[in-house]
Structures are given as C-alpha cells and as structure tokens.
Protein backbone atom coordinates (compact mmCIF):
# COMPACT_ATOMS: atom_id res chain seq x y z
CA ASP A 1 37.96 -6.01 49.11
CA ARG A 2 34.56 -7.77 49.51
CA ASP A 3 31.80 -8.54 51.96
CA ILE A 4 30.22 -11.97 51.78
CA ILE A 5 26.80 -12.67 53.21
CA GLU A 6 25.83 -16.37 53.58
CA ALA A 7 22.37 -17.41 54.66
CA ARG A 8 19.60 -19.81 53.88
CA VAL A 9 16.32 -19.10 51.90
CA PRO A 10 13.48 -18.48 54.31
CA ARG A 11 10.06 -19.90 53.89
CA ARG A 12 7.93 -18.26 51.15
CA ALA A 13 10.83 -16.18 49.98
CA THR A 14 11.36 -14.90 46.50
CA LEU A 15 14.55 -13.92 44.87
CA ALA A 16 13.54 -10.22 44.91
CA GLY A 17 12.55 -10.45 48.46
CA ILE A 18 15.91 -11.91 49.43
CA LEU A 19 17.68 -9.19 47.56
CA ARG A 20 15.48 -6.47 49.23
CA THR A 21 16.41 -7.94 52.70
CA HIS A 22 19.95 -7.18 51.91
CA GLU A 23 19.18 -3.65 50.74
CA VAL A 24 19.75 -4.16 47.09
CA GLY A 25 18.19 -1.36 44.97
CA GLU A 26 15.07 -2.05 42.95
CA ASN A 27 16.79 -1.39 39.65
CA LEU A 28 19.40 -4.00 40.39
CA ILE A 29 16.76 -6.49 41.73
CA VAL A 30 14.88 -6.20 38.33
CA ALA A 31 18.16 -6.74 36.39
CA MET A 32 19.13 -9.70 38.46
CA VAL A 33 15.77 -11.42 38.28
CA ASP A 34 15.76 -10.79 34.55
CA ALA A 35 19.27 -12.27 34.22
CA THR A 36 18.08 -15.32 36.13
CA ARG A 37 15.03 -16.24 34.10
CA PRO A 38 16.71 -17.63 30.93
CA VAL A 39 18.65 -20.21 32.98
CA PHE A 40 16.59 -20.81 36.10
CA ASP A 41 12.98 -20.03 37.15
CA PRO A 42 13.36 -17.88 40.34
CA ARG A 43 9.98 -19.20 41.48
CA GLN A 44 11.80 -22.53 42.09
CA LEU A 45 13.73 -21.18 45.14
CA ARG A 46 13.37 -23.69 47.95
CA ALA A 47 13.31 -22.82 51.57
CA GLY A 48 16.30 -23.93 53.51
CA GLN A 49 18.70 -23.88 50.57
CA PRO A 50 21.91 -21.85 51.10
CA TYR A 51 22.71 -18.69 49.20
CA ARG A 52 25.60 -16.20 49.14
CA LEU A 53 25.65 -12.54 48.32
CA VAL A 54 29.02 -10.93 47.49
CA ARG A 55 29.49 -7.11 47.64
CA THR A 56 32.48 -4.78 47.39
CA PHE A 57 33.21 -3.01 50.69
CA ASP A 58 31.80 0.21 49.31
CA GLY A 59 28.44 -1.72 48.87
CA ARG A 60 28.33 -2.49 45.14
CA LEU A 61 26.83 -5.79 44.38
CA ARG A 62 29.26 -8.27 42.71
CA GLN A 63 27.45 -11.56 42.57
CA PHE A 64 24.72 -13.83 43.95
CA GLU A 65 24.82 -17.55 44.31
CA TYR A 66 22.05 -20.01 45.27
CA GLU A 67 22.49 -23.82 45.72
CA ILE A 68 19.95 -25.45 43.50
CA ASP A 69 20.84 -28.97 44.60
CA SER A 70 24.01 -30.98 45.52
CA ASP A 71 25.25 -30.97 41.90
CA ARG A 72 24.87 -27.39 40.74
CA PHE A 73 24.19 -23.76 41.72
CA LEU A 74 22.91 -20.61 40.20
CA ARG A 75 25.43 -17.71 39.87
CA ILE A 76 24.35 -14.19 38.90
CA VAL A 77 27.32 -11.98 38.20
CA ARG A 78 27.63 -8.28 37.27
CA GLN A 79 29.23 -7.95 33.93
CA GLY A 80 31.48 -4.97 33.99
CA ALA A 81 31.02 -1.47 35.52
CA PRO A 82 28.15 -0.40 37.66
CA GLY A 83 24.91 0.13 35.56
CA THR A 84 25.66 -2.84 33.22
CA GLU A 85 23.57 -5.91 33.07
CA PHE A 86 23.84 -9.14 35.10
CA GLU A 87 24.50 -12.50 33.67
CA GLY A 88 22.95 -15.70 35.22
CA GLU A 89 24.40 -19.25 34.75
CA ILE A 90 23.97 -22.66 36.21
CA VAL A 91 27.34 -23.98 37.35
CA PRO A 92 28.10 -27.55 38.26
CA TYR A 93 29.92 -28.06 41.49
CA THR A 94 33.42 -29.42 41.28
CA LYS A 95 33.33 -33.03 42.64
CA GLU A 96 36.08 -35.42 43.50
CA ARG A 97 36.03 -39.06 44.49
CA ALA A 98 39.01 -40.15 46.56
CA GLN A 99 39.79 -43.68 47.77
CA ILE A 100 40.73 -43.75 51.44
CA ALA A 101 42.28 -46.64 53.43
CA MET A 102 41.44 -46.63 57.16
CA HIS A 103 42.30 -48.81 60.17
CA GLY A 104 40.30 -48.82 63.27
CA GLU A 105 40.32 -50.69 66.61
CA ILE A 106 37.88 -51.50 69.34
CA ASP A 107 39.45 -50.79 72.72
CA ALA A 108 38.66 -49.26 76.09
CA GLY A 109 38.48 -45.73 74.72
CA THR A 110 36.52 -46.74 71.57
CA SER A 111 34.07 -49.49 72.49
CA SER A 112 31.85 -49.21 69.47
CA LEU A 113 32.25 -49.05 65.66
CA VAL A 114 30.96 -45.45 65.61
CA ALA A 115 33.53 -44.44 68.26
CA ALA A 116 36.40 -46.07 66.30
CA ILE A 117 35.21 -44.35 63.07
CA ASN A 118 34.96 -41.03 64.88
CA LYS A 119 38.45 -41.37 66.32
CA ALA A 120 39.81 -41.94 62.73
CA GLY A 121 38.14 -38.64 61.81
CA GLU A 122 35.29 -39.99 59.74
CA GLN A 123 31.53 -39.61 60.03
CA VAL A 124 28.83 -41.93 61.53
CA GLN A 125 27.50 -42.64 58.07
CA LEU A 126 30.60 -44.74 57.26
CA ALA A 127 30.08 -46.71 60.42
CA ILE A 128 26.48 -47.39 59.37
CA GLU A 129 27.65 -48.58 55.98
CA ILE A 130 30.27 -50.98 57.46
CA ALA A 131 27.72 -52.34 59.94
CA GLU A 132 25.28 -52.96 57.12
CA LEU A 133 28.04 -54.76 55.14
CA PHE A 134 28.86 -57.16 57.88
CA ALA A 135 25.34 -57.38 59.41
CA GLY A 136 25.00 -61.04 58.53
CA GLU A 137 28.19 -61.95 60.40
CA ILE A 138 28.55 -59.50 63.25
CA ASP A 139 26.04 -58.11 65.75
CA PHE A 140 27.56 -54.70 66.31
CA ASN A 141 25.45 -54.19 69.47
CA ASN A 142 26.61 -57.39 71.21
CA ASP A 143 29.57 -59.06 69.43
CA LEU A 144 32.32 -56.42 69.56
CA ARG A 145 35.22 -57.14 71.90
CA GLN A 146 38.34 -55.10 72.98
CA GLY A 147 41.03 -56.03 70.57
CA ASP A 148 38.81 -56.30 67.54
CA SER A 149 40.00 -54.26 64.51
CA PHE A 150 39.05 -53.47 61.10
CA ASP A 151 40.48 -52.09 57.81
CA VAL A 152 38.30 -50.44 55.10
CA LEU A 153 38.98 -49.01 51.68
CA PHE A 154 36.28 -46.66 50.74
CA GLU A 155 35.25 -43.73 48.49
CA LYS A 156 35.00 -40.27 50.02
CA LEU A 157 33.21 -37.64 47.98
CA LEU A 158 34.22 -34.04 48.08
CA ARG A 159 32.34 -31.13 46.66
CA GLU A 160 34.35 -27.91 46.23
CA ASP A 161 36.99 -29.44 48.55
CA GLU A 162 34.43 -30.04 51.29
CA PHE A 163 33.12 -33.41 52.56
CA ALA A 164 30.07 -34.37 50.59
CA GLY A 165 29.41 -37.94 51.67
CA TYR A 166 30.68 -41.47 50.99
CA GLY A 167 30.72 -43.54 47.88
CA LEU A 168 31.26 -47.29 47.66
CA ILE A 169 33.06 -49.47 50.23
CA VAL A 170 35.61 -51.09 47.94
CA ALA A 171 36.98 -53.73 50.47
CA ALA A 172 36.79 -54.28 54.22
CA GLU A 173 38.20 -56.70 56.71
CA PHE A 174 36.99 -57.13 60.29
CA HIS A 175 38.82 -59.07 63.04
CA ASN A 176 36.11 -59.95 65.48
CA ALA A 177 36.63 -62.34 68.47
CA GLY A 178 39.35 -64.30 66.71
CA ARG A 179 37.55 -64.43 63.40
CA ARG A 180 38.56 -62.65 60.16
CA ILE A 181 35.69 -61.60 57.96
CA ARG A 182 36.30 -59.95 54.56
CA ALA A 183 34.15 -58.24 52.00
CA ILE A 184 35.34 -57.19 48.62
CA ARG A 185 33.34 -55.39 45.97
CA PHE A 186 33.65 -56.86 42.47
CA ALA A 187 32.59 -54.67 39.63
CA PRO A 188 30.58 -56.31 36.86
CA PRO A 189 32.16 -56.21 33.39
CA GLY A 190 31.86 -52.69 32.06
CA GLY A 191 30.16 -51.60 35.31
CA ALA A 192 31.06 -49.50 38.24
C-alpha cells in the first residue's frame, strides 16, 4: 500500500529542492520544512547521505527519512489525515553488538587471509584487523602456508539488522608454519 523512493542527497541540494524533485506540493514542502526546524537544521543536509520518501500508492506523502550520521536519522511523519501538520524527530538507529566465532584455513583455494575471511562470509576489514593484530609475528604477504589456520572471536556490529562494521577482536589464534600464536584482549578493571 505504499511506494518507497530511496536516493542520496545531491550536491547543493536543499530539503525543499529534494521534495520538489519528487513532485511534492509547495504547501506540503513548507509544512515539512517547518516540522524539521525544531529538531534539525535543514541547511545541514550533506551531499551523498541517503534519504527515503514514503508515499501511499495514490500519491499521498506519508513520511521522509534522512540519515544524519551512522547513529541517527531525521524522520518527518504526517500526523493524521491529509491537510494536517507533519512532525519531525531525530531517531537513533537500533544497534546490536554480536560476538562471532569464526574458523578459517589457508589452502589452495584460499591462499591469503583476505580470501579465507571472504570464504567465511566476512568483510576485508576483519582481515585487515587480524593482520594488524599479528603483524609483529606474521608477515601476511610472505609467511602464509597451505595448512595454516586461524580461529577468531570478534564483535560484529549491526544497525537496523544490517552489517555496520566490526568492533573489538576479543581473542584470536593463528597456526602458522607449525607455530601457534595467540592474542587475547584483557579489559582493564571497569573498562571495555
């Protein structure tokens, strides 16, 4: 029962200009900009940031969302029947931190740490963090051998149930050319 338009803020755009691009009427644009001002300065829109416009299939505007940063977004919602005012609010994203245990192996098909991480379904950033963790012990360009393996316990960050990056590596163990190298994070008393 709704039509969703997702896009990114173009360079030098204003909130009113974005809404005009999507054929929102002038009276609604004024009401939406007015609803935004008490919670967010509409002049602070940044090029490249995502936004979302939600309409009913018959074309009535339902809501507008703009990602301010990785922690929060602006939401402008119509309050009730057509002709009523809009309400703006800043909403924090729902974030989760999950601990994930992963095992990887260096073999003919995965001859690098990045390939092993990708095969396990994770992102290259995790490989970079593991390489930095063991950089004093392993040269990841020259020292990896078939049969090497690793286990890692790490934090994975999710925002609105979507991947949002990695947190801390809690513990890791790397078996490299017959050596076993371990790293364990110890939290200071009262710290994270």
